[in-house]
Amino acid sequence: MRMEVVTHDKMISLGFLAKNLFVKHVLVVDEDGQSFDTLQTVQADTLEKIKVMPTEGGFTQEIKDGAICAFSSMNVGDKFLCLDAWVTNYQSEEAKFYWEVQILCNEGHALQDASKLANQWIKEQRKESPIKKENKDV
């Protein structure tokens, strides 16, 4: 399955092989060596781990450069998401939802609470959307 990595201002889409490399080289993995938390915290060595990752298995130089850029703007202790998802439109509701969850987690909310709040936020955005208002007037 694919992975979306959601940072403060970037989403990084990783295919199966690139995902496995990212998990192996960058993420904090559970004791079983196979699983990891969806909500990750930037460690002191996270950026350095990305910089030394090999470009193989779908983890291209372009993806590596994007990951370096994304994590360069983050600080130790910041939260980022690692999701079993594939976002194809970064302007979509789905993308906005994930960014809102990431923001809320960095404001101190637990992942489950952040997800609920982000769902409420998306519903409010739909109500306020000018497109929806125009359709109601027709």
N, C-alpha and C. Protein backbone atom coordinates (compact mmCIF):
# COMPACT_ATOMS: atom_id res chain seq x y z
N MET A 1 0.84 -1.18 0.00
CA MET A 1 0.00 0.00 0.00
C MET A 1 0.89 1.25 0.00
N ARG A 2 0.37 2.31 -0.51
CA ARG A 2 1.08 3.58 -0.60
C ARG A 2 1.08 4.29 0.76
N MET A 3 1.85 5.37 0.84
CA MET A 3 1.89 6.18 2.04
C MET A 3 1.91 7.66 1.66
N GLU A 4 1.13 8.43 2.39
CA GLU A 4 1.20 9.88 2.32
C GLU A 4 1.88 10.35 3.60
N VAL A 5 2.90 11.15 3.45
CA VAL A 5 3.56 11.78 4.59
C VAL A 5 3.12 13.23 4.58
N VAL A 6 2.52 13.68 5.68
CA VAL A 6 1.96 15.02 5.77
C VAL A 6 2.76 15.83 6.78
N THR A 7 3.43 16.87 6.27
CA THR A 7 4.20 17.76 7.13
C THR A 7 3.46 19.10 7.20
N HIS A 8 4.11 20.13 7.71
CA HIS A 8 3.46 21.43 7.86
C HIS A 8 2.90 21.96 6.55
N ASP A 9 3.67 21.84 5.47
CA ASP A 9 3.22 22.45 4.22
C ASP A 9 3.45 21.58 2.99
N LYS A 10 3.75 20.31 3.19
CA LYS A 10 3.99 19.40 2.07
C LYS A 10 3.31 18.06 2.32
N MET A 11 2.96 17.41 1.22
CA MET A 11 2.53 16.01 1.25
C MET A 11 3.46 15.26 0.32
N ILE A 12 3.96 14.15 0.81
CA ILE A 12 4.89 13.34 0.04
C ILE A 12 4.21 12.00 -0.21
N SER A 13 4.01 11.67 -1.48
CA SER A 13 3.39 10.40 -1.86
C SER A 13 4.48 9.37 -2.11
N LEU A 14 4.38 8.26 -1.43
CA LEU A 14 5.36 7.19 -1.57
C LEU A 14 4.67 5.91 -2.03
N GLY A 15 5.21 5.30 -3.08
CA GLY A 15 4.73 3.99 -3.51
C GLY A 15 5.20 2.93 -2.54
N PHE A 16 4.82 1.69 -2.80
CA PHE A 16 5.10 0.58 -1.89
C PHE A 16 6.58 0.45 -1.52
N LEU A 17 7.45 0.41 -2.51
CA LEU A 17 8.87 0.22 -2.23
C LEU A 17 9.48 1.45 -1.55
N ALA A 18 9.11 2.63 -2.01
CA ALA A 18 9.61 3.86 -1.39
C ALA A 18 9.11 3.97 0.05
N LYS A 19 7.87 3.56 0.26
CA LYS A 19 7.30 3.56 1.62
C LYS A 19 8.14 2.67 2.52
N ASN A 20 8.43 1.47 2.07
CA ASN A 20 9.21 0.54 2.90
C ASN A 20 10.58 1.11 3.25
N LEU A 21 11.22 1.78 2.29
CA LEU A 21 12.52 2.41 2.57
C LEU A 21 12.37 3.53 3.59
N PHE A 22 11.34 4.35 3.43
CA PHE A 22 11.11 5.47 4.34
C PHE A 22 10.86 4.95 5.76
N VAL A 23 10.05 3.92 5.87
CA VAL A 23 9.77 3.32 7.17
C VAL A 23 11.06 2.79 7.80
N LYS A 24 11.83 2.08 7.01
CA LYS A 24 13.06 1.45 7.50
C LYS A 24 14.10 2.49 7.93
N HIS A 25 14.26 3.55 7.17
CA HIS A 25 15.35 4.50 7.40
C HIS A 25 14.97 5.71 8.24
N VAL A 26 13.69 6.08 8.29
CA VAL A 26 13.33 7.37 8.88
C VAL A 26 12.41 7.25 10.09
N LEU A 27 11.37 6.45 10.00
CA LEU A 27 10.34 6.45 11.04
C LEU A 27 10.78 5.73 12.31
N VAL A 28 10.13 6.12 13.40
CA VAL A 28 10.27 5.39 14.65
C VAL A 28 9.33 4.20 14.55
N VAL A 29 9.91 3.01 14.61
CA VAL A 29 9.16 1.77 14.41
C VAL A 29 8.98 1.07 15.76
N ASP A 30 7.85 0.38 15.92
CA ASP A 30 7.58 -0.36 17.15
C ASP A 30 8.59 -1.48 17.34
N GLU A 31 8.55 -2.08 18.52
CA GLU A 31 9.50 -3.14 18.86
C GLU A 31 9.47 -4.31 17.89
N ASP A 32 8.33 -4.54 17.25
CA ASP A 32 8.24 -5.66 16.31
C ASP A 32 9.01 -5.40 15.02
N GLY A 33 9.44 -4.16 14.83
CA GLY A 33 10.21 -3.80 13.65
C GLY A 33 9.38 -3.68 12.38
N GLN A 34 8.09 -3.84 12.48
CA GLN A 34 7.21 -3.82 11.31
C GLN A 34 6.18 -2.70 11.34
N SER A 35 5.70 -2.34 12.53
CA SER A 35 4.61 -1.37 12.61
C SER A 35 5.11 -0.04 13.16
N PHE A 36 4.34 0.99 12.84
CA PHE A 36 4.70 2.34 13.27
C PHE A 36 3.42 3.11 13.52
N ASP A 37 3.53 4.15 14.31
CA ASP A 37 2.38 5.00 14.60
C ASP A 37 2.10 5.92 13.42
N THR A 38 0.84 6.16 13.17
CA THR A 38 0.43 7.09 12.12
C THR A 38 0.94 8.49 12.43
N LEU A 39 0.89 8.86 13.68
CA LEU A 39 1.38 10.16 14.12
C LEU A 39 2.82 9.99 14.59
N GLN A 40 3.72 10.62 13.87
CA GLN A 40 5.15 10.55 14.19
C GLN A 40 5.63 11.91 14.69
N THR A 41 6.74 11.89 15.40
CA THR A 41 7.35 13.11 15.92
C THR A 41 8.73 13.27 15.30
N VAL A 42 9.03 14.47 14.85
CA VAL A 42 10.35 14.75 14.28
C VAL A 42 11.39 14.56 15.39
N GLN A 43 12.37 13.72 15.12
CA GLN A 43 13.46 13.46 16.04
C GLN A 43 14.66 14.33 15.66
N ALA A 44 15.65 14.39 16.52
CA ALA A 44 16.84 15.20 16.26
C ALA A 44 17.55 14.77 14.98
N ASP A 45 17.42 13.49 14.62
CA ASP A 45 18.14 12.97 13.45
C ASP A 45 17.25 12.69 12.24
N THR A 46 16.00 13.09 12.28
CA THR A 46 15.07 12.77 11.18
C THR A 46 15.56 13.32 9.85
N LEU A 47 15.90 14.59 9.80
CA LEU A 47 16.34 15.20 8.55
C LEU A 47 17.62 14.54 8.05
N GLU A 48 18.53 14.26 8.92
CA GLU A 48 19.79 13.62 8.51
C GLU A 48 19.53 12.21 7.96
N LYS A 49 18.60 11.50 8.55
CA LYS A 49 18.24 10.16 8.05
C LYS A 49 17.70 10.25 6.62
N ILE A 50 16.90 11.27 6.35
CA ILE A 50 16.36 11.45 5.00
C ILE A 50 17.49 11.78 4.02
N LYS A 51 18.39 12.65 4.45
CA LYS A 51 19.48 13.07 3.57
C LYS A 51 20.38 11.91 3.16
N VAL A 52 20.55 10.91 4.01
CA VAL A 52 21.45 9.79 3.69
C VAL A 52 20.71 8.58 3.12
N MET A 53 19.39 8.68 2.96
CA MET A 53 18.63 7.56 2.39
C MET A 53 19.09 7.27 0.97
N PRO A 54 19.16 6.00 0.62
CA PRO A 54 19.52 5.66 -0.76
C PRO A 54 18.37 6.00 -1.71
N THR A 55 18.71 6.36 -2.93
CA THR A 55 17.69 6.59 -3.95
C THR A 55 17.55 5.28 -4.72
N GLU A 56 16.60 4.48 -4.27
CA GLU A 56 16.32 3.18 -4.87
C GLU A 56 14.89 2.80 -4.57
N GLY A 57 14.42 1.76 -5.20
CA GLY A 57 13.10 1.23 -4.91
C GLY A 57 11.97 2.24 -4.97
N GLY A 58 12.03 3.14 -5.93
CA GLY A 58 10.98 4.13 -6.07
C GLY A 58 11.23 5.40 -5.27
N PHE A 59 12.22 5.39 -4.41
CA PHE A 59 12.58 6.60 -3.67
C PHE A 59 13.60 7.34 -4.52
N THR A 60 13.07 8.15 -5.42
CA THR A 60 13.89 8.84 -6.41
C THR A 60 14.55 10.08 -5.80
N GLN A 61 15.47 10.66 -6.54
CA GLN A 61 16.12 11.89 -6.08
C GLN A 61 15.09 13.01 -5.94
N GLU A 62 14.11 13.05 -6.83
CA GLU A 62 13.06 14.06 -6.76
C GLU A 62 12.25 13.93 -5.46
N ILE A 63 11.89 12.71 -5.11
CA ILE A 63 11.15 12.47 -3.86
C ILE A 63 12.04 12.81 -2.66
N LYS A 64 13.29 12.40 -2.73
CA LYS A 64 14.23 12.68 -1.65
C LYS A 64 14.38 14.19 -1.45
N ASP A 65 14.54 14.94 -2.54
CA ASP A 65 14.67 16.40 -2.45
C ASP A 65 13.41 17.02 -1.85
N GLY A 66 12.25 16.50 -2.24
CA GLY A 66 10.99 16.99 -1.67
C GLY A 66 10.88 16.70 -0.19
N ALA A 67 11.31 15.52 0.23
CA ALA A 67 11.28 15.16 1.65
C ALA A 67 12.24 16.03 2.44
N ILE A 68 13.42 16.27 1.88
CA ILE A 68 14.39 17.15 2.55
C ILE A 68 13.80 18.54 2.72
N CYS A 69 13.19 19.05 1.67
CA CYS A 69 12.55 20.37 1.72
C CYS A 69 11.45 20.40 2.78
N ALA A 70 10.61 19.39 2.79
CA ALA A 70 9.49 19.33 3.73
C ALA A 70 9.97 19.28 5.18
N PHE A 71 10.97 18.47 5.44
CA PHE A 71 11.42 18.30 6.82
C PHE A 71 12.39 19.39 7.26
N SER A 72 12.94 20.14 6.32
CA SER A 72 13.83 21.26 6.66
C SER A 72 13.07 22.36 7.39
N SER A 73 11.78 22.48 7.12
CA SER A 73 10.98 23.52 7.75
C SER A 73 10.35 23.06 9.07
N MET A 74 10.68 21.85 9.50
CA MET A 74 10.11 21.33 10.74
C MET A 74 11.17 21.33 11.84
N ASN A 75 10.69 21.39 13.06
CA ASN A 75 11.57 21.39 14.23
C ASN A 75 11.44 20.08 14.99
N VAL A 76 12.46 19.75 15.76
CA VAL A 76 12.41 18.58 16.63
C VAL A 76 11.18 18.72 17.53
N GLY A 77 10.39 17.66 17.61
CA GLY A 77 9.18 17.66 18.41
C GLY A 77 7.91 17.93 17.61
N ASP A 78 8.05 18.48 16.39
CA ASP A 78 6.87 18.68 15.54
C ASP A 78 6.30 17.33 15.14
N LYS A 79 5.01 17.31 14.92
CA LYS A 79 4.31 16.08 14.53
C LYS A 79 4.06 16.07 13.03
N PHE A 80 4.14 14.86 12.45
CA PHE A 80 3.77 14.66 11.06
C PHE A 80 3.02 13.36 10.94
N LEU A 81 2.23 13.23 9.87
CA LEU A 81 1.39 12.05 9.67
C LEU A 81 2.00 11.13 8.64
N CYS A 82 1.83 9.83 8.85
CA CYS A 82 2.19 8.80 7.87
C CYS A 82 0.95 7.94 7.68
N LEU A 83 0.30 8.10 6.53
CA LEU A 83 -1.02 7.53 6.29
C LEU A 83 -1.01 6.51 5.17
N ASP A 84 -1.81 5.48 5.34
CA ASP A 84 -2.04 4.53 4.25
C ASP A 84 -3.06 5.17 3.32
N ALA A 85 -2.59 6.06 2.49
CA ALA A 85 -3.48 6.80 1.60
C ALA A 85 -2.70 7.19 0.35
N TRP A 86 -3.45 7.62 -0.64
CA TRP A 86 -2.86 8.13 -1.87
C TRP A 86 -3.66 9.35 -2.29
N VAL A 87 -3.13 10.51 -2.00
CA VAL A 87 -3.80 11.76 -2.34
C VAL A 87 -3.31 12.18 -3.71
N THR A 88 -4.23 12.36 -4.63
CA THR A 88 -3.85 12.75 -6.00
C THR A 88 -4.12 14.21 -6.28
N ASN A 89 -4.91 14.85 -5.43
CA ASN A 89 -5.22 16.26 -5.60
C ASN A 89 -4.97 16.96 -4.26
N TYR A 90 -3.93 17.75 -4.20
CA TYR A 90 -3.54 18.38 -2.94
C TYR A 90 -4.42 19.58 -2.59
N GLN A 91 -5.40 19.90 -3.41
CA GLN A 91 -6.39 20.93 -3.11
C GLN A 91 -7.72 20.31 -2.69
N SER A 92 -7.79 18.98 -2.67
CA SER A 92 -9.04 18.28 -2.38
C SER A 92 -9.40 18.37 -0.90
N GLU A 93 -10.65 18.02 -0.60
CA GLU A 93 -11.10 17.94 0.79
C GLU A 93 -10.25 16.96 1.58
N GLU A 94 -9.90 15.86 0.94
CA GLU A 94 -9.10 14.85 1.62
C GLU A 94 -7.75 15.44 2.06
N ALA A 95 -7.09 16.15 1.17
CA ALA A 95 -5.81 16.78 1.50
C ALA A 95 -5.99 17.81 2.60
N LYS A 96 -7.03 18.64 2.49
CA LYS A 96 -7.28 19.66 3.50
C LYS A 96 -7.56 19.02 4.86
N PHE A 97 -8.29 17.91 4.84
CA PHE A 97 -8.57 17.17 6.08
C PHE A 97 -7.26 16.73 6.73
N TYR A 98 -6.37 16.11 5.96
CA TYR A 98 -5.11 15.61 6.52
C TYR A 98 -4.26 16.75 7.06
N TRP A 99 -4.20 17.88 6.35
CA TRP A 99 -3.44 19.01 6.85
C TRP A 99 -4.05 19.56 8.13
N GLU A 100 -5.35 19.60 8.20
CA GLU A 100 -6.01 20.09 9.41
C GLU A 100 -5.71 19.15 10.59
N VAL A 101 -5.75 17.85 10.35
CA VAL A 101 -5.40 16.89 11.41
C VAL A 101 -3.98 17.13 11.88
N GLN A 102 -3.06 17.31 10.94
CA GLN A 102 -1.66 17.53 11.29
C GLN A 102 -1.50 18.82 12.11
N ILE A 103 -2.20 19.87 11.72
CA ILE A 103 -2.15 21.13 12.48
C ILE A 103 -2.67 20.92 13.90
N LEU A 104 -3.81 20.26 14.01
CA LEU A 104 -4.42 20.03 15.32
C LEU A 104 -3.53 19.17 16.22
N CYS A 105 -2.88 18.18 15.64
CA CYS A 105 -1.96 17.35 16.43
C CYS A 105 -0.79 18.18 16.94
N ASN A 106 -0.32 19.11 16.13
CA ASN A 106 0.77 19.98 16.56
C ASN A 106 0.30 21.02 17.59
N GLU A 107 -0.99 21.21 17.68
CA GLU A 107 -1.54 22.10 18.71
C GLU A 107 -1.82 21.35 20.00
N GLY A 108 -1.51 20.04 20.02
CA GLY A 108 -1.65 19.27 21.25
C GLY A 108 -2.79 18.28 21.30
N HIS A 109 -3.58 18.19 20.25
CA HIS A 109 -4.69 17.24 20.22
C HIS A 109 -4.19 15.83 19.93
N ALA A 110 -4.83 14.85 20.53
CA ALA A 110 -4.56 13.46 20.19
C ALA A 110 -5.08 13.20 18.78
N LEU A 111 -4.52 12.21 18.11
CA LEU A 111 -4.88 11.92 16.73
C LEU A 111 -6.38 11.70 16.55
N GLN A 112 -6.99 10.92 17.41
CA GLN A 112 -8.42 10.63 17.28
C GLN A 112 -9.25 11.90 17.45
N ASP A 113 -8.92 12.71 18.42
CA ASP A 113 -9.64 13.97 18.62
C ASP A 113 -9.42 14.92 17.44
N ALA A 114 -8.18 14.98 16.96
CA ALA A 114 -7.87 15.83 15.81
C ALA A 114 -8.67 15.41 14.59
N SER A 115 -8.84 14.12 14.38
CA SER A 115 -9.63 13.61 13.25
C SER A 115 -11.08 14.04 13.35
N LYS A 116 -11.64 13.96 14.55
CA LYS A 116 -13.04 14.38 14.75
C LYS A 116 -13.18 15.88 14.49
N LEU A 117 -12.27 16.66 15.04
CA LEU A 117 -12.33 18.10 14.84
C LEU A 117 -12.14 18.48 13.37
N ALA A 118 -11.25 17.78 12.68
CA ALA A 118 -11.02 18.06 11.26
C ALA A 118 -12.26 17.70 10.44
N ASN A 119 -12.94 16.62 10.78
CA ASN A 119 -14.18 16.28 10.09
C ASN A 119 -15.23 17.38 10.28
N GLN A 120 -15.33 17.91 11.49
CA GLN A 120 -16.27 19.01 11.74
C GLN A 120 -15.88 20.24 10.92
N TRP A 121 -14.59 20.52 10.87
CA TRP A 121 -14.08 21.67 10.11
C TRP A 121 -14.43 21.54 8.63
N ILE A 122 -14.24 20.33 8.08
CA ILE A 122 -14.56 20.08 6.66
C ILE A 122 -16.06 20.33 6.43
N LYS A 123 -16.91 19.85 7.33
CA LYS A 123 -18.35 20.07 7.18
C LYS A 123 -18.69 21.56 7.18
N GLU A 124 -18.02 22.32 8.05
CA GLU A 124 -18.25 23.76 8.10
C GLU A 124 -17.77 24.42 6.80
N GLN A 125 -16.65 23.95 6.27
CA GLN A 125 -16.13 24.50 5.02
C GLN A 125 -17.10 24.26 3.88
N ARG A 126 -17.74 23.11 3.87
CA ARG A 126 -18.73 22.81 2.83
C ARG A 126 -19.91 23.78 2.91
N LYS A 127 -20.34 24.07 4.13
CA LYS A 127 -21.47 24.98 4.32
C LYS A 127 -21.13 26.38 3.85
N GLU A 128 -19.88 26.80 4.04
CA GLU A 128 -19.45 28.15 3.70
C GLU A 128 -18.97 28.30 2.27
N SER A 129 -18.84 27.20 1.55
CA SER A 129 -18.31 27.23 0.20
C SER A 129 -19.19 28.05 -0.72
N PRO A 130 -18.61 29.00 -1.48
CA PRO A 130 -19.40 29.80 -2.41
C PRO A 130 -20.05 28.95 -3.51
N ILE A 131 -19.43 27.86 -3.86
CA ILE A 131 -20.01 26.98 -4.87
C ILE A 131 -21.31 26.39 -4.37
N LYS A 132 -21.30 25.96 -3.12
CA LYS A 132 -22.52 25.40 -2.54
C LYS A 132 -23.61 26.47 -2.47
N LYS A 133 -23.25 27.69 -2.06
CA LYS A 133 -24.22 28.77 -1.97
C LYS A 133 -24.82 29.09 -3.32
N GLU A 134 -23.98 29.12 -4.35
CA GLU A 134 -24.48 29.40 -5.70
C GLU A 134 -25.46 28.33 -6.13
N ASN A 135 -25.16 27.08 -5.83
CA ASN A 135 -26.05 25.99 -6.22
C ASN A 135 -27.40 26.09 -5.50
N LYS A 136 -27.40 26.58 -4.28
CA LYS A 136 -28.64 26.72 -3.52
C LYS A 136 -29.53 27.80 -4.12
N ASP A 137 -28.92 28.81 -4.68
CA ASP A 137 -29.69 29.93 -5.24
C ASP A 137 -30.29 29.59 -6.60
N VAL A 138 -29.84 28.55 -7.23
CA VAL A 138 -30.32 28.22 -8.57
C VAL A 138 -31.67 27.57 -8.51
